[in-house]
Amino acid sequence: MKFKQIFRRRPGEGTPMILAIVLVLLMLFCTIAEFSRVWIIAQGVKEATQQAVISTINDNYDDVYHAVREGYAAGWYPDGTGRWDESVDTGDVYGQLSETLGLENAGRGYQKVTDGKVEYTISGLSVELDNNGLSSGQSEGYTAAVEIHLEVPVRFLGNLLPSASMTLHTEAKYVPLF
């Protein structure tokens, strides 16, 4: 008889445990949702940057043509005296990103503002163009590499946490087919 009395449950005894489990699951869901938001923003900015670097490479096609005709894939043009001068255009990556992503120019970079809140900030743009030497003898292609710094404010349970900060790197290469 005593054994049955020890393990007998009373109504409502499990309610605190159920509430604790629900709260933990809710916090876990919020964490996963915030991680997904940051990841989606990073992927969107990286894809827009990829479009901008491809556009930069395409903007250089006119000078690459002269070099292709001479057997090299690089940005060179004849100066009219029998010599070749290097021609490289770094493009307007920030301008293209602003147009594509709807960014506003802030003092330290460009920001995406939605409903008065900063969604993310990009800054520290670095564009590096790799031009083949004119007399290299082989075409390795005409490449452009872009690095950009992305900061995404992280929110959890209504509180603003330190920003997620990352450097995104993307490249494009122009190789003529003839």
C-alpha atoms as a PDB file:
ATOM      1  CA  MET A   1       0.000   0.000   0.000  1.00  0.00           C
ATOM      2  CA  LYS A   2       2.780   2.417   0.839  1.00  0.00           C
ATOM      3  CA  PHE A   3       4.407   1.653  -2.523  1.00  0.00           C
ATOM      4  CA  LYS A   4       1.330   2.828  -4.440  1.00  0.00           C
ATOM      5  CA  GLN A   5       1.102   6.034  -2.446  1.00  0.00           C
ATOM      6  CA  ILE A   6       4.706   7.018  -3.219  1.00  0.00           C
ATOM      7  CA  PHE A   7       4.332   6.837  -7.022  1.00  0.00           C
ATOM      8  CA  ARG A   8       0.853   8.228  -7.249  1.00  0.00           C
ATOM      9  CA  ARG A   9       0.589  11.356  -9.428  1.00  0.00           C
ATOM     10  CA  ARG A  10      -1.500  14.335  -8.637  1.00  0.00           C
ATOM     11  CA  PRO A  11      -3.259  16.459 -11.292  1.00  0.00           C
ATOM     12  CA  GLY A  12      -1.122  19.400 -12.546  1.00  0.00           C
ATOM     13  CA  GLU A  13       2.159  17.974 -11.279  1.00  0.00           C
ATOM     14  CA  GLY A  14       3.739  17.852 -14.779  1.00  0.00           C
ATOM     15  CA  THR A  15       2.695  21.369 -15.813  1.00  0.00           C
ATOM     16  CA  PRO A  16       5.978  23.111 -14.820  1.00  0.00           C
ATOM     17  CA  MET A  17       8.003  20.524 -16.748  1.00  0.00           C
ATOM     18  CA  ILE A  18       5.828  20.935 -19.850  1.00  0.00           C
ATOM     19  CA  LEU A  19       6.158  24.734 -19.657  1.00  0.00           C
ATOM     20  CA  ALA A  20       9.934  24.472 -19.333  1.00  0.00           C
ATOM     21  CA  ILE A  21      10.136  22.170 -22.370  1.00  0.00           C
ATOM     22  CA  VAL A  22       7.933  24.512 -24.431  1.00  0.00           C
ATOM     23  CA  LEU A  23      10.070  27.535 -23.496  1.00  0.00           C
ATOM     24  CA  VAL A  24      13.306  25.715 -24.388  1.00  0.00           C
ATOM     25  CA  LEU A  25      11.848  24.646 -27.736  1.00  0.00           C
ATOM     26  CA  LEU A  26      10.650  28.202 -28.400  1.00  0.00           C
ATOM     27  CA  MET A  27      14.118  29.602 -27.665  1.00  0.00           C
ATOM     28  CA  LEU A  28      15.667  26.954 -29.908  1.00  0.00           C
ATOM     29  CA  PHE A  29      13.257  27.890 -32.711  1.00  0.00           C
ATOM     30  CA  CYS A  30      14.127  31.597 -32.292  1.00  0.00           C
ATOM     31  CA  THR A  31      17.849  30.783 -32.490  1.00  0.00           C
ATOM     32  CA  ILE A  32      17.402  28.719 -35.654  1.00  0.00           C
ATOM     33  CA  ALA A  33      15.210  31.426 -37.233  1.00  0.00           C
ATOM     34  CA  GLU A  34      17.799  34.149 -36.507  1.00  0.00           C
ATOM     35  CA  PHE A  35      20.630  31.995 -37.854  1.00  0.00           C
ATOM     36  CA  SER A  36      18.589  31.388 -41.013  1.00  0.00           C
ATOM     37  CA  ARG A  37      17.933  35.125 -41.406  1.00  0.00           C
ATOM     38  CA  VAL A  38      21.652  35.949 -41.169  1.00  0.00           C
ATOM     39  CA  TRP A  39      22.535  33.126 -43.579  1.00  0.00           C
ATOM     40  CA  ILE A  40      19.924  34.248 -46.149  1.00  0.00           C
ATOM     41  CA  ILE A  41      21.173  37.849 -45.984  1.00  0.00           C
ATOM     42  CA  ALA A  42      24.782  36.712 -46.450  1.00  0.00           C
ATOM     43  CA  GLN A  43      23.841  34.557 -49.450  1.00  0.00           C
ATOM     44  CA  GLY A  44      21.846  37.381 -51.039  1.00  0.00           C
ATOM     45  CA  VAL A  45      24.686  39.880 -50.632  1.00  0.00           C
ATOM     46  CA  LYS A  46      27.201  37.357 -51.992  1.00  0.00           C
ATOM     47  CA  GLU A  47      25.039  36.677 -55.066  1.00  0.00           C
ATOM     48  CA  ALA A  48      24.591  40.418 -55.698  1.00  0.00           C
ATOM     49  CA  THR A  49      28.357  40.879 -55.353  1.00  0.00           C
ATOM     50  CA  GLN A  50      28.892  38.032 -57.823  1.00  0.00           C
ATOM     51  CA  GLN A  51      26.607  39.804 -60.309  1.00  0.00           C
ATOM     52  CA  ALA A  52      28.551  43.042 -59.824  1.00  0.00           C
ATOM     53  CA  VAL A  53      31.935  41.384 -60.389  1.00  0.00           C
ATOM     54  CA  ILE A  54      30.639  39.605 -63.517  1.00  0.00           C
ATOM     55  CA  SER A  55      29.390  42.967 -64.756  1.00  0.00           C
ATOM     56  CA  THR A  56      32.845  44.455 -64.093  1.00  0.00           C
ATOM     57  CA  ILE A  57      34.476  41.718 -66.149  1.00  0.00           C
ATOM     58  CA  ASN A  58      31.924  42.242 -68.920  1.00  0.00           C
ATOM     59  CA  ASP A  59      32.586  45.997 -68.881  1.00  0.00           C
ATOM     60  CA  ASN A  60      36.198  45.236 -69.785  1.00  0.00           C
ATOM     61  CA  TYR A  61      35.373  43.131 -72.861  1.00  0.00           C
ATOM     62  CA  ASP A  62      36.065  45.951 -75.307  1.00  0.00           C
ATOM     63  CA  ASP A  63      39.744  46.194 -74.395  1.00  0.00           C
ATOM     64  CA  VAL A  64      40.106  42.449 -73.997  1.00  0.00           C
ATOM     65  CA  TYR A  65      39.106  42.051 -77.643  1.00  0.00           C
ATOM     66  CA  HIS A  66      42.294  43.716 -78.891  1.00  0.00           C
ATOM     67  CA  ALA A  67      44.359  41.368 -76.794  1.00  0.00           C
ATOM     68  CA  VAL A  68      42.390  38.313 -77.938  1.00  0.00           C
ATOM     69  CA  ARG A  69      43.066  39.240 -81.530  1.00  0.00           C
ATOM     70  CA  GLU A  70      46.752  39.226 -80.698  1.00  0.00           C
ATOM     71  CA  GLY A  71      46.466  35.891 -78.875  1.00  0.00           C
ATOM     72  CA  TYR A  72      46.215  37.033 -75.262  1.00  0.00           C
ATOM     73  CA  ALA A  73      43.212  37.339 -72.972  1.00  0.00           C
ATOM     74  CA  ALA A  74      43.936  40.505 -71.094  1.00  0.00           C
ATOM     75  CA  GLY A  75      43.070  44.190 -70.955  1.00  0.00           C
ATOM     76  CA  TRP A  76      45.423  45.844 -73.441  1.00  0.00           C
ATOM     77  CA  TYR A  77      44.894  48.214 -76.325  1.00  0.00           C
ATOM     78  CA  PRO A  78      47.119  49.482 -79.114  1.00  0.00           C
ATOM     79  CA  ASP A  79      48.197  53.076 -78.601  1.00  0.00           C
ATOM     80  CA  GLY A  80      48.680  53.730 -82.313  1.00  0.00           C
ATOM     81  CA  THR A  81      52.488  53.794 -82.241  1.00  0.00           C
ATOM     82  CA  GLY A  82      52.964  50.049 -82.324  1.00  0.00           C
ATOM     83  CA  ARG A  83      52.950  49.730 -78.529  1.00  0.00           C
ATOM     84  CA  TRP A  84      50.277  48.339 -76.244  1.00  0.00           C
ATOM     85  CA  ASP A  85      48.943  50.044 -73.115  1.00  0.00           C
ATOM     86  CA  GLU A  86      47.200  48.276 -70.260  1.00  0.00           C
ATOM     87  CA  SER A  87      43.503  49.044 -69.897  1.00  0.00           C
ATOM     88  CA  VAL A  88      41.744  47.993 -66.712  1.00  0.00           C
ATOM     89  CA  ASP A  89      38.382  49.256 -65.461  1.00  0.00           C
ATOM     90  CA  THR A  90      37.493  48.333 -61.863  1.00  0.00           C
ATOM     91  CA  GLY A  91      33.835  49.176 -62.466  1.00  0.00           C
ATOM     92  CA  ASP A  92      31.338  50.586 -59.997  1.00  0.00           C
ATOM     93  CA  VAL A  93      30.677  47.642 -57.692  1.00  0.00           C
ATOM     94  CA  TYR A  94      29.225  49.769 -54.870  1.00  0.00           C
ATOM     95  CA  GLY A  95      26.909  51.497 -57.347  1.00  0.00           C
ATOM     96  CA  GLN A  96      25.662  48.202 -58.735  1.00  0.00           C
ATOM     97  CA  LEU A  97      25.182  46.753 -55.242  1.00  0.00           C
ATOM     98  CA  SER A  98      23.268  49.871 -54.176  1.00  0.00           C
ATOM     99  CA  GLU A  99      20.971  49.560 -57.150  1.00  0.00           C
ATOM    100  CA  THR A 100      20.479  45.793 -56.845  1.00  0.00           C
ATOM    101  CA  LEU A 101      20.015  45.626 -53.063  1.00  0.00           C
ATOM    102  CA  GLY A 102      18.430  49.046 -52.433  1.00  0.00           C
ATOM    103  CA  LEU A 103      21.239  50.300 -50.189  1.00  0.00           C
ATOM    104  CA  GLU A 104      21.683  53.754 -48.668  1.00  0.00           C
ATOM    105  CA  ASN A 105      25.069  55.429 -48.417  1.00  0.00           C
ATOM    106  CA  ALA A 106      26.130  55.713 -44.782  1.00  0.00           C
ATOM    107  CA  GLY A 107      29.322  57.349 -43.557  1.00  0.00           C
ATOM    108  CA  ARG A 108      31.236  54.099 -43.090  1.00  0.00           C
ATOM    109  CA  GLY A 109      29.661  52.014 -45.863  1.00  0.00           C
ATOM    110  CA  TYR A 110      26.288  51.176 -47.353  1.00  0.00           C
ATOM    111  CA  GLN A 111      23.290  50.084 -45.302  1.00  0.00           C
ATOM    112  CA  LYS A 112      20.046  48.297 -46.008  1.00  0.00           C
ATOM    113  CA  VAL A 113      17.374  49.969 -43.889  1.00  0.00           C
ATOM    114  CA  THR A 114      13.927  48.389 -43.500  1.00  0.00           C
ATOM    115  CA  ASP A 115      11.203  49.960 -41.368  1.00  0.00           C
ATOM    116  CA  GLY A 116      13.752  52.311 -39.793  1.00  0.00           C
ATOM    117  CA  LYS A 117      16.021  49.461 -38.657  1.00  0.00           C
ATOM    118  CA  VAL A 118      19.409  48.614 -40.131  1.00  0.00           C
ATOM    119  CA  GLU A 119      19.142  45.167 -41.687  1.00  0.00           C
ATOM    120  CA  TYR A 120      22.823  44.936 -42.661  1.00  0.00           C
ATOM    121  CA  THR A 121      25.862  47.050 -43.535  1.00  0.00           C
ATOM    122  CA  ILE A 122      28.469  46.446 -46.224  1.00  0.00           C
ATOM    123  CA  SER A 123      31.846  48.174 -46.278  1.00  0.00           C
ATOM    124  CA  GLY A 124      35.522  47.640 -47.039  1.00  0.00           C
ATOM    125  CA  LEU A 125      35.142  46.916 -50.743  1.00  0.00           C
ATOM    126  CA  SER A 126      38.288  45.592 -52.385  1.00  0.00           C
ATOM    127  CA  VAL A 127      38.426  44.978 -56.147  1.00  0.00           C
ATOM    128  CA  GLU A 128      41.492  43.244 -57.564  1.00  0.00           C
ATOM    129  CA  LEU A 129      41.856  42.745 -61.304  1.00  0.00           C
ATOM    130  CA  ASP A 130      44.409  40.259 -62.571  1.00  0.00           C
ATOM    131  CA  ASN A 131      45.528  41.153 -66.069  1.00  0.00           C
ATOM    132  CA  ASN A 132      47.713  38.782 -68.102  1.00  0.00           C
ATOM    133  CA  GLY A 133      51.024  40.109 -69.280  1.00  0.00           C
ATOM    134  CA  LEU A 134      50.993  41.055 -72.914  1.00  0.00           C
ATOM    135  CA  SER A 135      53.861  38.773 -73.821  1.00  0.00           C
ATOM    136  CA  SER A 136      53.021  35.944 -71.435  1.00  0.00           C
ATOM    137  CA  GLY A 137      52.625  33.472 -74.303  1.00  0.00           C
ATOM    138  CA  GLN A 138      49.563  31.833 -72.794  1.00  0.00           C
ATOM    139  CA  SER A 139      46.147  32.986 -71.745  1.00  0.00           C
ATOM    140  CA  GLU A 140      45.221  32.397 -68.133  1.00  0.00           C
ATOM    141  CA  GLY A 141      42.150  34.581 -68.431  1.00  0.00           C
ATOM    142  CA  TYR A 142      41.229  37.975 -67.144  1.00  0.00           C
ATOM    143  CA  THR A 143      40.050  37.715 -63.531  1.00  0.00           C
ATOM    144  CA  ALA A 144      38.408  40.023 -61.028  1.00  0.00           C
ATOM    145  CA  ALA A 145      38.214  39.270 -57.314  1.00  0.00           C
ATOM    146  CA  VAL A 146      36.030  41.218 -54.906  1.00  0.00           C
ATOM    147  CA  GLU A 147      36.055  41.152 -51.117  1.00  0.00           C
ATOM    148  CA  ILE A 148      33.455  42.950 -49.083  1.00  0.00           C
ATOM    149  CA  HIS A 149      32.819  43.170 -45.333  1.00  0.00           C
ATOM    150  CA  LEU A 150      29.264  42.376 -44.182  1.00  0.00           C
ATOM    151  CA  GLU A 151      27.808  43.144 -40.753  1.00  0.00           C
ATOM    152  CA  VAL A 152      24.371  41.852 -39.802  1.00  0.00           C
ATOM    153  CA  PRO A 153      22.816  42.927 -36.486  1.00  0.00           C
ATOM    154  CA  VAL A 154      21.673  39.877 -34.515  1.00  0.00           C
ATOM    155  CA  ARG A 155      18.505  39.992 -32.449  1.00  0.00           C
ATOM    156  CA  PHE A 156      17.388  37.409 -29.922  1.00  0.00           C
ATOM    157  CA  LEU A 157      14.214  37.596 -27.850  1.00  0.00           C
ATOM    158  CA  GLY A 158      13.883  41.303 -28.628  1.00  0.00           C
ATOM    159  CA  ASN A 159      17.450  42.152 -27.585  1.00  0.00           C
ATOM    160  CA  LEU A 160      20.166  43.401 -29.921  1.00  0.00           C
ATOM    161  CA  LEU A 161      23.292  41.245 -29.673  1.00  0.00           C
ATOM    162  CA  PRO A 162      26.736  41.917 -31.176  1.00  0.00           C
ATOM    163  CA  SER A 163      26.642  41.928 -34.980  1.00  0.00           C
ATOM    164  CA  ALA A 164      27.580  38.927 -37.064  1.00  0.00           C
ATOM    165  CA  SER A 165      30.601  40.083 -39.028  1.00  0.00           C
ATOM    166  CA  MET A 166      32.000  38.299 -42.082  1.00  0.00           C
ATOM    167  CA  THR A 167      34.106  38.914 -45.170  1.00  0.00           C
ATOM    168  CA  LEU A 168      32.604  37.720 -48.436  1.00  0.00           C
ATOM    169  CA  HIS A 169      34.892  36.827 -51.351  1.00  0.00           C
ATOM    170  CA  THR A 170      33.824  36.261 -54.933  1.00  0.00           C
ATOM    171  CA  GLU A 171      35.585  36.004 -58.290  1.00  0.00           C
ATOM    172  CA  ALA A 172      34.821  36.088 -61.983  1.00  0.00           C
ATOM    173  CA  LYS A 173      37.019  35.124 -64.903  1.00  0.00           C
ATOM    174  CA  TYR A 174      36.848  36.044 -68.560  1.00  0.00           C
ATOM    175  CA  VAL A 175      38.314  33.453 -70.878  1.00  0.00           C
ATOM    176  CA  PRO A 176      37.778  34.030 -74.593  1.00  0.00           C
ATOM    177  CA  LEU A 177      36.605  31.129 -76.703  1.00  0.00           C
ATOM    178  CA  PHE A 178      37.933  31.184 -80.253  1.00  0.00           C
END
